[in-house]
Every structure is written in structure tokens, then in C-alpha cells.
């Protein structure tokens, strides 16, 4: 039986699983930083995804599942998901992998074709000065990163209460779905996301990305104490000195400026740019 948890404000019991998402892309084998114990790997930072799942299992007190989480099992599940797509005749060479873990420690992975392959390092962190020069008052055609043009990032209309389901990633995505729903009316077209903040006004993340703001000559990401998700790409960037963690609480809703650039990152897309919109579209 899948673990059942009572959600605040929800009726009855809601089943959920632990969740993480990564990328399969042959281009990743060209980067030594992405190697695993078997050598070059096409799976984006897969060892860190395993560590994330182990930490989440511990946080949710899924101690039995924690004992069963092994890298060889995780990688085999991912390879099986890619093989299944090929058997079905899909010709894509890049895939998003959605990985779930039950309380009993069962790992499952499903693959979804991605529209484009990587053509550059997904860990590339742009400098705002270079962004400004490239934009030249017109964002069209701006090279925003390996996985697409700048995202429009709108500020949520309401604060989000931090919980175990914001601090860890699970299949219970209700909080993020509500954020998207209540902001859909102000958001323009496609390619947008919403910035979350907690009851103290501290910035947390967007619905699918960790976020960093350029402060004091460095990209700064919200601290874990805000209730944000400690994502895999965020962790890698912190460990490699590409971004800093906000330990002083400087990233608050009222310090955000309309039109400022933000660095977005996750375990599927890597790094890309976003632009803040404080006004409705």
C-alpha cells in the first residue's frame, strides 16, 4: 500500500510517493562533472537524485524505503524507461524522466520525449551584465540558456505555507497547482511561472524551479529555512560556488523589482533565465 498522509485542509487521506525528475540526454556524456561510478552518464546528475530521494525518505520517516534505495536500482529503472520508449518506436534522443518511490521502496521511472537536445552546458550561469548587453532593450532572441528563452515569472497573489510537501518533492503537487490556477488570469501566453513566498514574505521558489537573484555581485538563492525545495541543480550550483545561499533573509517579496533577471534551475532543464513581472500581463 502506498503511504497515506493527512494533508492540512484536505478531506480524508491522500496517497503520495516521493518524486524526482531528471534528464536523459547523450550530450551529457561529454561533461566530466556528470560522470557516475560507471563513467560518462547520459542521466543528468543522477547520483544526486538518489541522495535527494534518500534524504526525502528519511524526512518522511520511510525508513524501510531508505534501506532499499540503491544507485544500481535507480539507474536500471531509468534505463528501462528509455528502452520502453524505443520499443514503442519513439525516435527522440532526449527525455524527461519522472522517478517515483513508494513507502515500500519500489522505484518506478517513466520517460517523456523532450522537444530539443542540449547543445551546451546546462550548468552555465550567465552574468547579468552580459544579459543586459545581449537584451539591448529587446528580449527577443536573447540566448537565455541551454533549454529555452527567458521565462516570464509573476509574483504569487498569496503567500504559501511551508510544509514537508514544499521542502521535499512528492507526487502531492496540490499547493503548486493552486498557485498556477490563482495566477493564470494575470499571466500572458506560454512560457511563464509563478514565484512563491512564505507568510513572512521570504522568497521560496517557483512552481517548478529553484530561483536565484543577483545581489551584491553574486547570484543568491533563498535559504532552506524559507520552506523551499532543496533541488538537485540548486545543490550542485551551491557546492560549486556558482550561487550563494541567502543566510541573512535578504530575499523578500518587497525587494523584488519589476523587470529584473532571475536565474532559474531544476534537474531537467539545468539553468535558464527568467524575468520578473510585478504587473499583470
Protein backbone atom coordinates (compact mmCIF):
# COMPACT_ATOMS: atom_id res chain seq x y z
CA UNK A 1 0.00 0.00 0.00
CA UNK A 2 1.23 3.48 -0.84
CA UNK A 3 1.87 5.64 2.19
CA UNK A 4 -1.12 7.73 3.29
CA UNK A 5 -0.78 11.20 4.77
CA UNK A 6 -3.36 13.60 6.12
CA UNK A 7 -2.97 16.93 4.38
CA UNK A 8 -3.89 20.10 6.21
CA UNK A 9 -7.20 21.32 4.83
CA UNK A 10 -7.72 18.19 2.72
CA UNK A 11 -10.58 15.77 3.21
CA UNK A 12 -9.59 12.24 4.20
CA UNK A 13 -6.31 10.58 3.37
CA UNK A 14 -4.24 11.33 0.31
CA UNK A 15 -1.77 8.77 -1.11
CA UNK A 16 1.60 10.02 -2.31
CA UNK A 17 5.05 8.91 -3.39
CA UNK A 18 8.45 10.56 -3.31
CA UNK A 19 9.34 12.20 -6.60
CA UNK A 20 12.34 13.45 -8.51
CA UNK A 21 12.81 14.32 -12.19
CA UNK A 22 15.96 14.15 -14.28
CA UNK A 23 17.01 14.29 -17.92
CA UNK A 24 18.33 11.68 -20.31
CA UNK A 25 20.48 13.31 -23.00
CA UNK A 26 23.52 11.76 -24.74
CA UNK A 27 25.11 15.23 -24.82
CA UNK A 28 25.62 14.98 -21.05
CA UNK A 29 28.25 12.27 -21.55
CA UNK A 30 30.63 14.97 -22.79
CA UNK A 31 30.85 16.59 -19.34
CA UNK A 32 33.13 15.07 -16.72
CA UNK A 33 31.14 16.66 -13.91
CA UNK A 34 28.20 14.43 -14.88
CA UNK A 35 30.11 11.14 -14.69
CA UNK A 36 28.87 8.48 -12.30
CA UNK A 37 30.70 5.45 -10.91
CA UNK A 38 30.31 3.70 -14.28
CA UNK A 39 31.87 6.57 -16.24
CA UNK A 40 30.20 9.09 -18.59
CA UNK A 41 26.46 9.22 -17.94
CA UNK A 42 23.54 10.45 -20.08
CA UNK A 43 21.43 10.97 -16.93
CA UNK A 44 21.61 14.50 -15.51
CA UNK A 45 23.22 14.40 -12.02
CA UNK A 46 21.59 11.03 -11.27
CA UNK A 47 23.71 10.28 -8.15
CA UNK A 48 22.43 13.50 -6.58
CA UNK A 49 18.86 12.49 -7.38
CA UNK A 50 19.45 9.27 -5.42
CA UNK A 51 20.77 11.25 -2.45
CA UNK A 52 17.75 13.52 -2.67
CA UNK A 53 15.39 10.54 -2.54
CA UNK A 54 17.25 9.04 0.42
CA UNK A 55 17.05 12.34 2.32
CA UNK A 56 13.35 12.66 1.50
CA UNK A 57 12.68 9.10 2.68
CA UNK A 58 14.38 10.00 5.95
CA UNK A 59 12.36 13.22 6.28
CA UNK A 60 9.09 11.33 5.71
CA UNK A 61 10.22 8.55 8.10
CA UNK A 62 10.11 5.98 5.31
CA UNK A 63 12.97 4.08 6.90
CA UNK A 64 12.33 0.79 5.10
CA UNK A 65 12.27 2.52 1.72
CA UNK A 66 15.51 4.27 2.62
CA UNK A 67 17.28 0.93 3.09
CA UNK A 68 16.23 -0.20 -0.40
CA UNK A 69 17.33 2.87 -2.33
CA UNK A 70 20.43 1.88 -4.30
CA UNK A 71 22.05 3.57 -7.29
CA UNK A 72 22.08 0.42 -9.40
CA UNK A 73 18.30 0.02 -8.93
CA UNK A 74 17.64 3.66 -9.77
CA UNK A 75 19.79 3.62 -12.90
CA UNK A 76 18.28 0.33 -14.07
CA UNK A 77 14.78 1.79 -13.73
CA UNK A 78 15.79 4.81 -15.79
CA UNK A 79 17.37 2.66 -18.50
CA UNK A 80 14.23 0.50 -18.64
CA UNK A 81 12.10 3.62 -19.14
CA UNK A 82 14.25 4.75 -22.07
CA UNK A 83 14.20 1.26 -23.58
CA UNK A 84 10.41 1.17 -23.35
CA UNK A 85 10.19 4.40 -25.35
CA UNK A 86 12.44 2.97 -28.05
CA UNK A 87 10.42 -0.23 -28.23
CA UNK A 88 7.35 1.92 -28.83
CA UNK A 89 9.11 3.48 -31.79
CA UNK A 90 9.95 6.91 -30.37
CA UNK A 91 12.93 8.43 -32.15
CA UNK A 92 13.70 11.20 -29.64
CA UNK A 93 17.15 11.15 -28.10
CA UNK A 94 16.36 13.40 -25.12
CA UNK A 95 13.82 12.54 -22.43
CA UNK A 96 12.44 13.81 -19.16
CA UNK A 97 12.46 11.03 -16.57
CA UNK A 98 9.91 11.13 -13.77
CA UNK A 99 11.07 8.91 -10.91
CA UNK A 100 8.84 7.85 -8.02
CA UNK A 101 9.46 5.86 -4.85
CA UNK A 102 6.79 4.19 -2.68
CA UNK A 103 6.94 3.72 1.08
CA UNK A 104 7.90 0.12 0.36
CA UNK A 105 10.93 1.29 -1.61
CA UNK A 106 9.64 0.48 -5.09
CA UNK A 107 11.29 2.66 -7.73
CA UNK A 108 9.48 3.47 -10.96
CA UNK A 109 10.58 5.70 -13.84
CA UNK A 110 8.62 6.98 -16.82
CA UNK A 111 10.17 8.75 -19.81
CA UNK A 112 8.65 11.57 -21.84
CA UNK A 113 10.32 12.83 -25.06
CA UNK A 114 11.76 16.34 -24.90
CA UNK A 115 11.45 18.75 -27.81
CA UNK A 116 15.14 19.52 -28.02
CA UNK A 117 18.53 18.12 -27.10
CA UNK A 118 21.11 20.04 -25.17
CA UNK A 119 23.70 21.85 -27.27
CA UNK A 120 25.63 23.49 -24.43
CA UNK A 121 26.49 23.00 -20.77
CA UNK A 122 23.23 23.10 -18.74
CA UNK A 123 25.11 24.33 -15.65
CA UNK A 124 26.13 27.58 -17.36
CA UNK A 125 25.32 30.58 -15.15
CA UNK A 126 25.05 33.88 -17.07
CA UNK A 127 26.26 37.22 -15.75
CA UNK A 128 23.61 39.98 -15.59
CA UNK A 129 25.92 42.45 -17.34
CA UNK A 130 26.15 40.11 -20.33
CA UNK A 131 22.39 39.61 -20.21
CA UNK A 132 21.75 43.34 -20.35
CA UNK A 133 24.07 43.80 -23.31
CA UNK A 134 22.53 40.86 -25.16
CA UNK A 135 18.98 42.01 -24.48
CA UNK A 136 19.54 45.60 -25.64
CA UNK A 137 16.02 46.59 -24.60
CA UNK A 138 14.54 43.69 -26.54
CA UNK A 139 14.34 40.19 -25.06
CA UNK A 140 13.51 38.53 -28.37
CA UNK A 141 16.25 36.22 -29.49
CA UNK A 142 18.12 36.54 -26.20
CA UNK A 143 20.20 33.44 -25.56
CA UNK A 144 18.75 32.62 -22.17
CA UNK A 145 20.35 29.25 -21.62
CA UNK A 146 20.57 25.70 -22.96
CA UNK A 147 16.86 24.94 -22.63
CA UNK A 148 15.00 27.95 -23.92
CA UNK A 149 14.24 31.68 -23.93
CA UNK A 150 13.55 33.68 -20.76
CA UNK A 151 10.60 32.59 -18.66
CA UNK A 152 8.10 35.19 -17.53
CA UNK A 153 7.99 34.99 -13.74
CA UNK A 154 4.97 36.50 -11.99
CA UNK A 155 4.73 37.04 -8.23
CA UNK A 156 2.07 34.98 -6.48
CA UNK A 157 -1.03 36.79 -5.27
CA UNK A 158 -0.94 35.00 -1.90
CA UNK A 159 1.74 33.57 0.40
CA UNK A 160 2.38 29.82 0.55
CA UNK A 161 2.62 27.99 3.85
CA UNK A 162 5.87 25.95 4.03
CA UNK A 163 5.45 22.26 4.81
CA UNK A 164 7.09 18.90 4.33
CA UNK A 165 5.49 18.95 0.87
CA UNK A 166 7.32 22.13 -0.16
CA UNK A 167 10.61 21.10 1.44
CA UNK A 168 10.58 17.70 -0.29
CA UNK A 169 9.28 16.75 -3.71
CA UNK A 170 6.37 14.32 -3.80
CA UNK A 171 3.52 13.42 -6.11
CA UNK A 172 1.27 15.65 -3.97
CA UNK A 173 1.56 18.80 -6.06
CA UNK A 174 -1.69 20.42 -4.93
CA UNK A 175 -0.03 23.51 -3.48
CA UNK A 176 1.72 24.26 -6.78
CA UNK A 177 -1.37 23.56 -8.85
CA UNK A 178 -3.33 26.05 -6.75
CA UNK A 179 -0.61 28.67 -7.25
CA UNK A 180 -0.79 28.27 -11.03
CA UNK A 181 -4.59 28.33 -11.03
CA UNK A 182 -4.98 31.52 -9.00
CA UNK A 183 -2.42 33.37 -11.11
CA UNK A 184 -3.40 32.09 -14.55
CA UNK A 185 -5.54 35.13 -15.27
CA UNK A 186 -2.65 37.59 -14.97
CA UNK A 187 -0.11 35.53 -16.91
CA UNK A 188 0.49 36.13 -20.59
CA UNK A 189 0.62 33.29 -23.11
CA UNK A 190 3.02 30.39 -22.59
CA UNK A 191 6.46 30.22 -21.04
CA UNK A 192 5.53 31.59 -17.62
CA UNK A 193 5.85 30.54 -14.00
CA UNK A 194 4.93 31.93 -10.58
CA UNK A 195 7.23 32.96 -7.73
CA UNK A 196 6.23 31.70 -4.28
CA UNK A 197 6.90 33.41 -0.95
CA UNK A 198 6.01 32.39 2.61
CA UNK A 199 3.96 34.15 5.27
CA UNK A 200 6.97 36.24 6.31
CA UNK A 201 7.39 37.50 2.76
CA UNK A 202 10.54 35.42 2.20
CA UNK A 203 11.02 34.22 -1.37
CA UNK A 204 10.88 30.43 -1.73
CA UNK A 205 10.94 29.20 -5.35
CA UNK A 206 8.72 28.99 -8.42
CA UNK A 207 6.35 26.11 -9.08
CA UNK A 208 8.99 24.10 -10.99
CA UNK A 209 12.31 25.90 -10.49
CA UNK A 210 14.65 26.95 -7.75
CA UNK A 211 15.42 30.64 -8.17
CA UNK A 212 18.37 32.97 -7.59
CA UNK A 213 18.51 36.77 -7.59
CA UNK A 214 21.58 38.86 -8.40
CA UNK A 215 22.60 40.61 -5.19
CA UNK A 216 25.97 42.10 -4.24
CA UNK A 217 27.71 40.83 -7.36
CA UNK A 218 26.58 37.22 -6.92
CA UNK A 219 23.58 35.03 -7.65
CA UNK A 220 21.83 34.38 -4.32
CA UNK A 221 19.21 31.67 -3.74
CA UNK A 222 16.66 31.51 -0.89
CA UNK A 223 17.79 29.60 2.18
CA UNK A 224 16.37 26.20 3.07
CA UNK A 225 14.71 27.77 6.12
CA UNK A 226 12.18 29.53 3.87
CA UNK A 227 10.48 26.20 3.15
CA UNK A 228 11.78 25.94 -0.40
CA UNK A 229 12.69 22.71 -2.12
CA UNK A 230 16.39 21.88 -1.89
CA UNK A 231 16.64 20.88 -5.54
CA UNK A 232 19.40 18.83 -7.16
CA UNK A 233 20.57 21.58 -9.55
CA UNK A 234 20.45 24.13 -6.72
CA UNK A 235 22.64 21.85 -4.60
CA UNK A 236 25.18 21.37 -7.41
CA UNK A 237 25.42 25.11 -8.06
CA UNK A 238 25.90 25.82 -4.35
CA UNK A 239 28.59 23.15 -3.97
CA UNK A 240 30.47 24.51 -6.99
CA UNK A 241 30.29 28.15 -5.90
CA UNK A 242 28.09 29.25 -8.80
CA UNK A 243 25.43 30.62 -6.43
CA UNK A 244 25.28 31.53 -2.73
CA UNK A 245 22.61 30.69 -0.16
CA UNK A 246 20.75 33.56 1.48
CA UNK A 247 21.60 33.20 5.17
CA UNK A 248 20.51 36.71 6.15
CA UNK A 249 16.96 36.78 4.82
CA UNK A 250 17.59 39.49 2.22
CA UNK A 251 15.41 37.89 -0.47
CA UNK A 252 11.93 39.11 0.35
CA UNK A 253 8.91 39.90 -1.77
CA UNK A 254 9.27 43.65 -1.26
CA UNK A 255 12.87 43.69 -2.54
CA UNK A 256 11.94 42.33 -5.98
CA UNK A 257 11.96 44.76 -8.88
CA UNK A 258 9.82 44.61 -11.99
CA UNK A 259 11.90 43.54 -14.98
CA UNK A 260 14.84 42.15 -13.04
CA UNK A 261 16.50 38.98 -14.26
CA UNK A 262 16.47 35.81 -12.19
CA UNK A 263 18.34 32.55 -12.55
CA UNK A 264 16.06 29.52 -12.71
CA UNK A 265 17.27 25.94 -12.35
CA UNK A 266 15.99 22.41 -11.99
CA UNK A 267 17.10 18.83 -12.53
CA UNK A 268 15.65 18.52 -16.03
CA UNK A 269 16.42 21.85 -17.69
CA UNK A 270 19.53 22.90 -15.81
CA UNK A 271 19.93 26.70 -15.77
CA UNK A 272 17.86 29.22 -17.66
CA UNK A 273 16.84 32.84 -17.26
CA UNK A 274 13.61 34.31 -16.03
CA UNK A 275 12.34 37.87 -15.93
CA UNK A 276 10.20 39.24 -13.12
CA UNK A 277 6.80 40.73 -13.92
CA UNK A 278 5.20 42.51 -10.98
CA UNK A 279 2.31 43.80 -13.07
CA UNK A 280 -0.46 41.76 -14.66
CA UNK A 281 0.02 40.93 -18.32
